[in-house]
């Protein structure tokens, strides 16, 4: 994990709560840099968490802008959130949004190994549906699998303020 949070009191360090956020969020916003231009794309994901080491898996078309960008510059940033709930306050500055989120950075790699691709698709489907699926070689030949080896991340929870 990283220590990039400004509001330390909102930080989550409990691995079980982090996994809960990953299980609930379902969409990761993947930030990349295309030359000198930012580019962000929302994607379904799957993940593994082994001894605190987070790995994200994404799938998509075999060609396209995000693939071209990742090949040219594999450094990515991701953000995912859940439990979004607006709240009101007595004055405008007291209105806000409750949420839980994870943000981090890592290196994206296009997976070529067929067995790793099949395993990654199973991980993605388990994260997205809670169900187990298996995949044949031919099924994964039509998609790209992107593995993000996460180098650092932070988790945060902003609750609804008590009145």
C-alpha atoms as a PDB file:
ATOM      1  CA  UNK A   1       0.000   0.000   0.000  1.00  0.00           C
ATOM      2  CA  UNK A   2       1.025   3.608  -0.404  1.00  0.00           C
ATOM      3  CA  UNK A   3       0.689   6.615   1.879  1.00  0.00           C
ATOM      4  CA  UNK A   4      -0.681   9.154  -0.627  1.00  0.00           C
ATOM      5  CA  UNK A   5      -3.802  10.035   1.364  1.00  0.00           C
ATOM      6  CA  UNK A   6      -4.390  13.541   2.620  1.00  0.00           C
ATOM      7  CA  UNK A   7      -7.158  12.562   5.057  1.00  0.00           C
ATOM      8  CA  UNK A   8      -5.479   9.775   7.044  1.00  0.00           C
ATOM      9  CA  UNK A   9      -8.557   9.300   9.240  1.00  0.00           C
ATOM     10  CA  UNK A  10     -10.420   7.950   6.180  1.00  0.00           C
ATOM     11  CA  UNK A  11      -7.751   5.390   5.230  1.00  0.00           C
ATOM     12  CA  UNK A  12      -8.597   1.693   5.238  1.00  0.00           C
ATOM     13  CA  UNK A  13      -5.757  -0.712   5.987  1.00  0.00           C
ATOM     14  CA  UNK A  14      -7.770  -3.816   6.940  1.00  0.00           C
ATOM     15  CA  UNK A  15      -7.202  -6.265   4.061  1.00  0.00           C
ATOM     16  CA  UNK A  16     -10.684  -7.777   4.504  1.00  0.00           C
ATOM     17  CA  UNK A  17     -12.319  -4.365   4.048  1.00  0.00           C
ATOM     18  CA  UNK A  18     -10.129  -3.724   0.991  1.00  0.00           C
ATOM     19  CA  UNK A  19     -11.257  -7.036  -0.508  1.00  0.00           C
ATOM     20  CA  UNK A  20     -14.865  -6.079   0.246  1.00  0.00           C
ATOM     21  CA  UNK A  21     -14.419  -2.859  -1.774  1.00  0.00           C
ATOM     22  CA  UNK A  22     -12.849  -4.802  -4.660  1.00  0.00           C
ATOM     23  CA  UNK A  23     -15.751  -7.272  -4.596  1.00  0.00           C
ATOM     24  CA  UNK A  24     -18.425  -4.548  -4.613  1.00  0.00           C
ATOM     25  CA  UNK A  25     -16.947  -2.059  -7.081  1.00  0.00           C
ATOM     26  CA  UNK A  26     -16.983  -4.042 -10.369  1.00  0.00           C
ATOM     27  CA  UNK A  27     -15.761  -1.133 -12.549  1.00  0.00           C
ATOM     28  CA  UNK A  28     -12.193   0.156 -12.553  1.00  0.00           C
ATOM     29  CA  UNK A  29     -11.326   3.462 -14.205  1.00  0.00           C
ATOM     30  CA  UNK A  30      -7.956   2.936 -15.881  1.00  0.00           C
ATOM     31  CA  UNK A  31      -5.859   6.054 -16.436  1.00  0.00           C
ATOM     32  CA  UNK A  32      -3.127   6.128 -19.069  1.00  0.00           C
ATOM     33  CA  UNK A  33      -0.996   8.705 -20.826  1.00  0.00           C
ATOM     34  CA  UNK A  34      -1.212   8.880 -24.621  1.00  0.00           C
ATOM     35  CA  UNK A  35       1.801  10.972 -25.602  1.00  0.00           C
ATOM     36  CA  UNK A  36       1.097  14.146 -23.629  1.00  0.00           C
ATOM     37  CA  UNK A  37      -2.645  13.530 -23.280  1.00  0.00           C
ATOM     38  CA  UNK A  38      -4.476  11.762 -20.424  1.00  0.00           C
ATOM     39  CA  UNK A  39      -6.878   8.956 -21.324  1.00  0.00           C
ATOM     40  CA  UNK A  40      -9.232   7.158 -18.920  1.00  0.00           C
ATOM     41  CA  UNK A  41     -11.447   4.193 -19.677  1.00  0.00           C
ATOM     42  CA  UNK A  42     -13.913   2.362 -17.374  1.00  0.00           C
ATOM     43  CA  UNK A  43     -13.525  -1.432 -17.445  1.00  0.00           C
ATOM     44  CA  UNK A  44     -14.882  -4.517 -15.738  1.00  0.00           C
ATOM     45  CA  UNK A  45     -12.146  -6.283 -13.823  1.00  0.00           C
ATOM     46  CA  UNK A  46     -11.139  -9.283 -11.806  1.00  0.00           C
ATOM     47  CA  UNK A  47      -8.480  -9.383  -9.136  1.00  0.00           C
ATOM     48  CA  UNK A  48      -6.290 -11.534  -6.970  1.00  0.00           C
ATOM     49  CA  UNK A  49      -4.949 -10.522  -3.577  1.00  0.00           C
ATOM     50  CA  UNK A  50      -2.081 -12.678  -2.387  1.00  0.00           C
ATOM     51  CA  UNK A  51      -0.237 -11.690   0.797  1.00  0.00           C
ATOM     52  CA  UNK A  52      -1.331  -8.066   0.308  1.00  0.00           C
ATOM     53  CA  UNK A  53      -0.157  -8.060  -3.340  1.00  0.00           C
ATOM     54  CA  UNK A  54      -2.949  -6.880  -5.631  1.00  0.00           C
ATOM     55  CA  UNK A  55      -3.181  -7.914  -9.282  1.00  0.00           C
ATOM     56  CA  UNK A  56      -5.964  -6.690 -11.576  1.00  0.00           C
ATOM     57  CA  UNK A  57      -7.138  -8.431 -14.745  1.00  0.00           C
ATOM     58  CA  UNK A  58      -9.033  -6.713 -17.545  1.00  0.00           C
ATOM     59  CA  UNK A  59     -10.275  -7.943 -20.886  1.00  0.00           C
ATOM     60  CA  UNK A  60     -11.031  -6.162 -24.099  1.00  0.00           C
ATOM     61  CA  UNK A  61     -10.684  -6.072 -27.834  1.00  0.00           C
ATOM     62  CA  UNK A  62      -7.488  -7.258 -29.462  1.00  0.00           C
ATOM     63  CA  UNK A  63      -7.003  -3.825 -31.079  1.00  0.00           C
ATOM     64  CA  UNK A  64      -7.778  -0.278 -30.094  1.00  0.00           C
ATOM     65  CA  UNK A  65      -6.544   2.902 -28.489  1.00  0.00           C
ATOM     66  CA  UNK A  66      -6.062   1.558 -24.943  1.00  0.00           C
ATOM     67  CA  UNK A  67      -4.002  -1.383 -26.218  1.00  0.00           C
ATOM     68  CA  UNK A  68      -1.835   0.938 -28.324  1.00  0.00           C
ATOM     69  CA  UNK A  69      -1.321   3.264 -25.342  1.00  0.00           C
ATOM     70  CA  UNK A  70      -0.462   0.436 -22.935  1.00  0.00           C
ATOM     71  CA  UNK A  71       2.072  -1.002 -25.374  1.00  0.00           C
ATOM     72  CA  UNK A  72       3.736   2.414 -25.721  1.00  0.00           C
ATOM     73  CA  UNK A  73       3.531   3.281 -22.003  1.00  0.00           C
ATOM     74  CA  UNK A  74       2.519   0.447 -19.652  1.00  0.00           C
ATOM     75  CA  UNK A  75       2.335   2.681 -16.556  1.00  0.00           C
ATOM     76  CA  UNK A  76      -1.298   2.952 -15.475  1.00  0.00           C
ATOM     77  CA  UNK A  77      -3.343   4.358 -12.626  1.00  0.00           C
ATOM     78  CA  UNK A  78      -6.647   2.862 -11.510  1.00  0.00           C
ATOM     79  CA  UNK A  79      -9.573   3.903  -9.346  1.00  0.00           C
ATOM     80  CA  UNK A  80     -12.631   1.973  -8.247  1.00  0.00           C
ATOM     81  CA  UNK A  81     -15.465   2.946  -5.903  1.00  0.00           C
ATOM     82  CA  UNK A  82     -18.596   1.572  -4.258  1.00  0.00           C
ATOM     83  CA  UNK A  83     -21.210   2.379  -1.601  1.00  0.00           C
ATOM     84  CA  UNK A  84     -21.861   5.788  -3.144  1.00  0.00           C
ATOM     85  CA  UNK A  85     -24.498   7.732  -1.240  1.00  0.00           C
ATOM     86  CA  UNK A  86     -25.080  11.489  -1.318  1.00  0.00           C
ATOM     87  CA  UNK A  87     -25.809  13.267   1.938  1.00  0.00           C
ATOM     88  CA  UNK A  88     -27.182  16.661   2.851  1.00  0.00           C
ATOM     89  CA  UNK A  89     -25.940  19.259   5.285  1.00  0.00           C
ATOM     90  CA  UNK A  90     -27.211  22.344   6.987  1.00  0.00           C
ATOM     91  CA  UNK A  91     -25.268  24.555   4.566  1.00  0.00           C
ATOM     92  CA  UNK A  92     -23.937  23.977   1.043  1.00  0.00           C
ATOM     93  CA  UNK A  93     -20.415  23.136   2.271  1.00  0.00           C
ATOM     94  CA  UNK A  94     -21.794  20.289   4.422  1.00  0.00           C
ATOM     95  CA  UNK A  95     -23.302  18.388   1.469  1.00  0.00           C
ATOM     96  CA  UNK A  96     -21.193  15.550   0.147  1.00  0.00           C
ATOM     97  CA  UNK A  97     -20.878  11.968  -0.916  1.00  0.00           C
ATOM     98  CA  UNK A  98     -20.216   8.878   1.174  1.00  0.00           C
ATOM     99  CA  UNK A  99     -18.150   6.193  -0.585  1.00  0.00           C
ATOM    100  CA  UNK A 100     -15.412   3.601  -0.354  1.00  0.00           C
ATOM    101  CA  UNK A 101     -12.619   3.605  -2.933  1.00  0.00           C
ATOM    102  CA  UNK A 102      -9.297   2.163  -3.931  1.00  0.00           C
ATOM    103  CA  UNK A 103      -6.723   4.007  -6.036  1.00  0.00           C
ATOM    104  CA  UNK A 104      -3.361   2.755  -7.174  1.00  0.00           C
ATOM    105  CA  UNK A 105      -0.740   2.432  -9.835  1.00  0.00           C
ATOM    106  CA  UNK A 106       0.997  -0.363 -11.618  1.00  0.00           C
ATOM    107  CA  UNK A 107       2.350  -1.774 -14.826  1.00  0.00           C
ATOM    108  CA  UNK A 108      -0.026  -3.153 -17.466  1.00  0.00           C
ATOM    109  CA  UNK A 109       1.020  -6.147 -19.519  1.00  0.00           C
ATOM    110  CA  UNK A 110      -0.825  -7.838 -22.359  1.00  0.00           C
ATOM    111  CA  UNK A 111      -1.061 -11.526 -21.452  1.00  0.00           C
ATOM    112  CA  UNK A 112      -0.063 -13.865 -24.285  1.00  0.00           C
ATOM    113  CA  UNK A 113       0.031 -17.226 -22.469  1.00  0.00           C
ATOM    114  CA  UNK A 114      -3.215 -19.110 -23.202  1.00  0.00           C
ATOM    115  CA  UNK A 115      -3.391 -20.785 -19.763  1.00  0.00           C
ATOM    116  CA  UNK A 116      -2.899 -17.466 -17.989  1.00  0.00           C
ATOM    117  CA  UNK A 117      -5.586 -15.910 -20.215  1.00  0.00           C
ATOM    118  CA  UNK A 118      -8.066 -18.670 -19.335  1.00  0.00           C
ATOM    119  CA  UNK A 119      -7.278 -18.302 -15.637  1.00  0.00           C
ATOM    120  CA  UNK A 120      -7.628 -14.506 -15.867  1.00  0.00           C
ATOM    121  CA  UNK A 121     -11.029 -14.791 -17.571  1.00  0.00           C
ATOM    122  CA  UNK A 122     -12.166 -17.113 -14.774  1.00  0.00           C
ATOM    123  CA  UNK A 123     -10.960 -14.547 -12.199  1.00  0.00           C
ATOM    124  CA  UNK A 124     -12.764 -11.717 -14.009  1.00  0.00           C
ATOM    125  CA  UNK A 125     -16.013 -13.685 -14.163  1.00  0.00           C
ATOM    126  CA  UNK A 126     -15.754 -14.714 -10.500  1.00  0.00           C
ATOM    127  CA  UNK A 127     -15.288 -11.059  -9.475  1.00  0.00           C
ATOM    128  CA  UNK A 128     -18.106  -9.846 -11.712  1.00  0.00           C
ATOM    129  CA  UNK A 129     -20.681 -12.585 -11.059  1.00  0.00           C
ATOM    130  CA  UNK A 130     -19.565 -14.576  -8.014  1.00  0.00           C
ATOM    131  CA  UNK A 131     -19.768 -17.700 -10.208  1.00  0.00           C
ATOM    132  CA  UNK A 132     -17.087 -20.070 -11.465  1.00  0.00           C
ATOM    133  CA  UNK A 133     -16.541 -20.381 -15.211  1.00  0.00           C
ATOM    134  CA  UNK A 134     -14.035 -22.273 -17.343  1.00  0.00           C
ATOM    135  CA  UNK A 135     -12.795 -21.209 -20.741  1.00  0.00           C
ATOM    136  CA  UNK A 136     -11.532 -23.064 -23.791  1.00  0.00           C
ATOM    137  CA  UNK A 137      -8.459 -21.960 -25.733  1.00  0.00           C
ATOM    138  CA  UNK A 138     -10.581 -20.731 -28.646  1.00  0.00           C
ATOM    139  CA  UNK A 139     -12.767 -18.568 -26.378  1.00  0.00           C
ATOM    140  CA  UNK A 140      -9.831 -16.532 -25.095  1.00  0.00           C
ATOM    141  CA  UNK A 141      -8.220 -16.206 -28.519  1.00  0.00           C
ATOM    142  CA  UNK A 142     -10.733 -13.476 -29.407  1.00  0.00           C
ATOM    143  CA  UNK A 143      -9.841 -11.099 -26.554  1.00  0.00           C
ATOM    144  CA  UNK A 144      -6.861  -9.384 -25.029  1.00  0.00           C
ATOM    145  CA  UNK A 145      -6.226  -9.945 -21.357  1.00  0.00           C
ATOM    146  CA  UNK A 146      -4.436  -7.168 -19.538  1.00  0.00           C
ATOM    147  CA  UNK A 147      -2.722  -7.884 -16.234  1.00  0.00           C
ATOM    148  CA  UNK A 148      -1.930  -4.931 -13.994  1.00  0.00           C
ATOM    149  CA  UNK A 149       0.778  -5.714 -11.479  1.00  0.00           C
ATOM    150  CA  UNK A 150      -0.129  -3.150  -8.825  1.00  0.00           C
ATOM    151  CA  UNK A 151       2.898  -1.521  -7.194  1.00  0.00           C
ATOM    152  CA  UNK A 152       0.984   0.613  -4.672  1.00  0.00           C
ATOM    153  CA  UNK A 153      -2.566   1.422  -3.687  1.00  0.00           C
ATOM    154  CA  UNK A 154      -4.606   3.175  -1.017  1.00  0.00           C
ATOM    155  CA  UNK A 155      -8.106   2.464   0.208  1.00  0.00           C
ATOM    156  CA  UNK A 156     -10.462   5.014   1.683  1.00  0.00           C
ATOM    157  CA  UNK A 157     -13.925   5.154   3.240  1.00  0.00           C
ATOM    158  CA  UNK A 158     -15.861   8.360   3.707  1.00  0.00           C
ATOM    159  CA  UNK A 159     -18.943   7.623   5.812  1.00  0.00           C
ATOM    160  CA  UNK A 160     -22.053   9.758   6.080  1.00  0.00           C
ATOM    161  CA  UNK A 161     -21.277  12.274   8.848  1.00  0.00           C
ATOM    162  CA  UNK A 162     -23.061  11.844  12.129  1.00  0.00           C
ATOM    163  CA  UNK A 163     -25.468  14.634  12.969  1.00  0.00           C
END
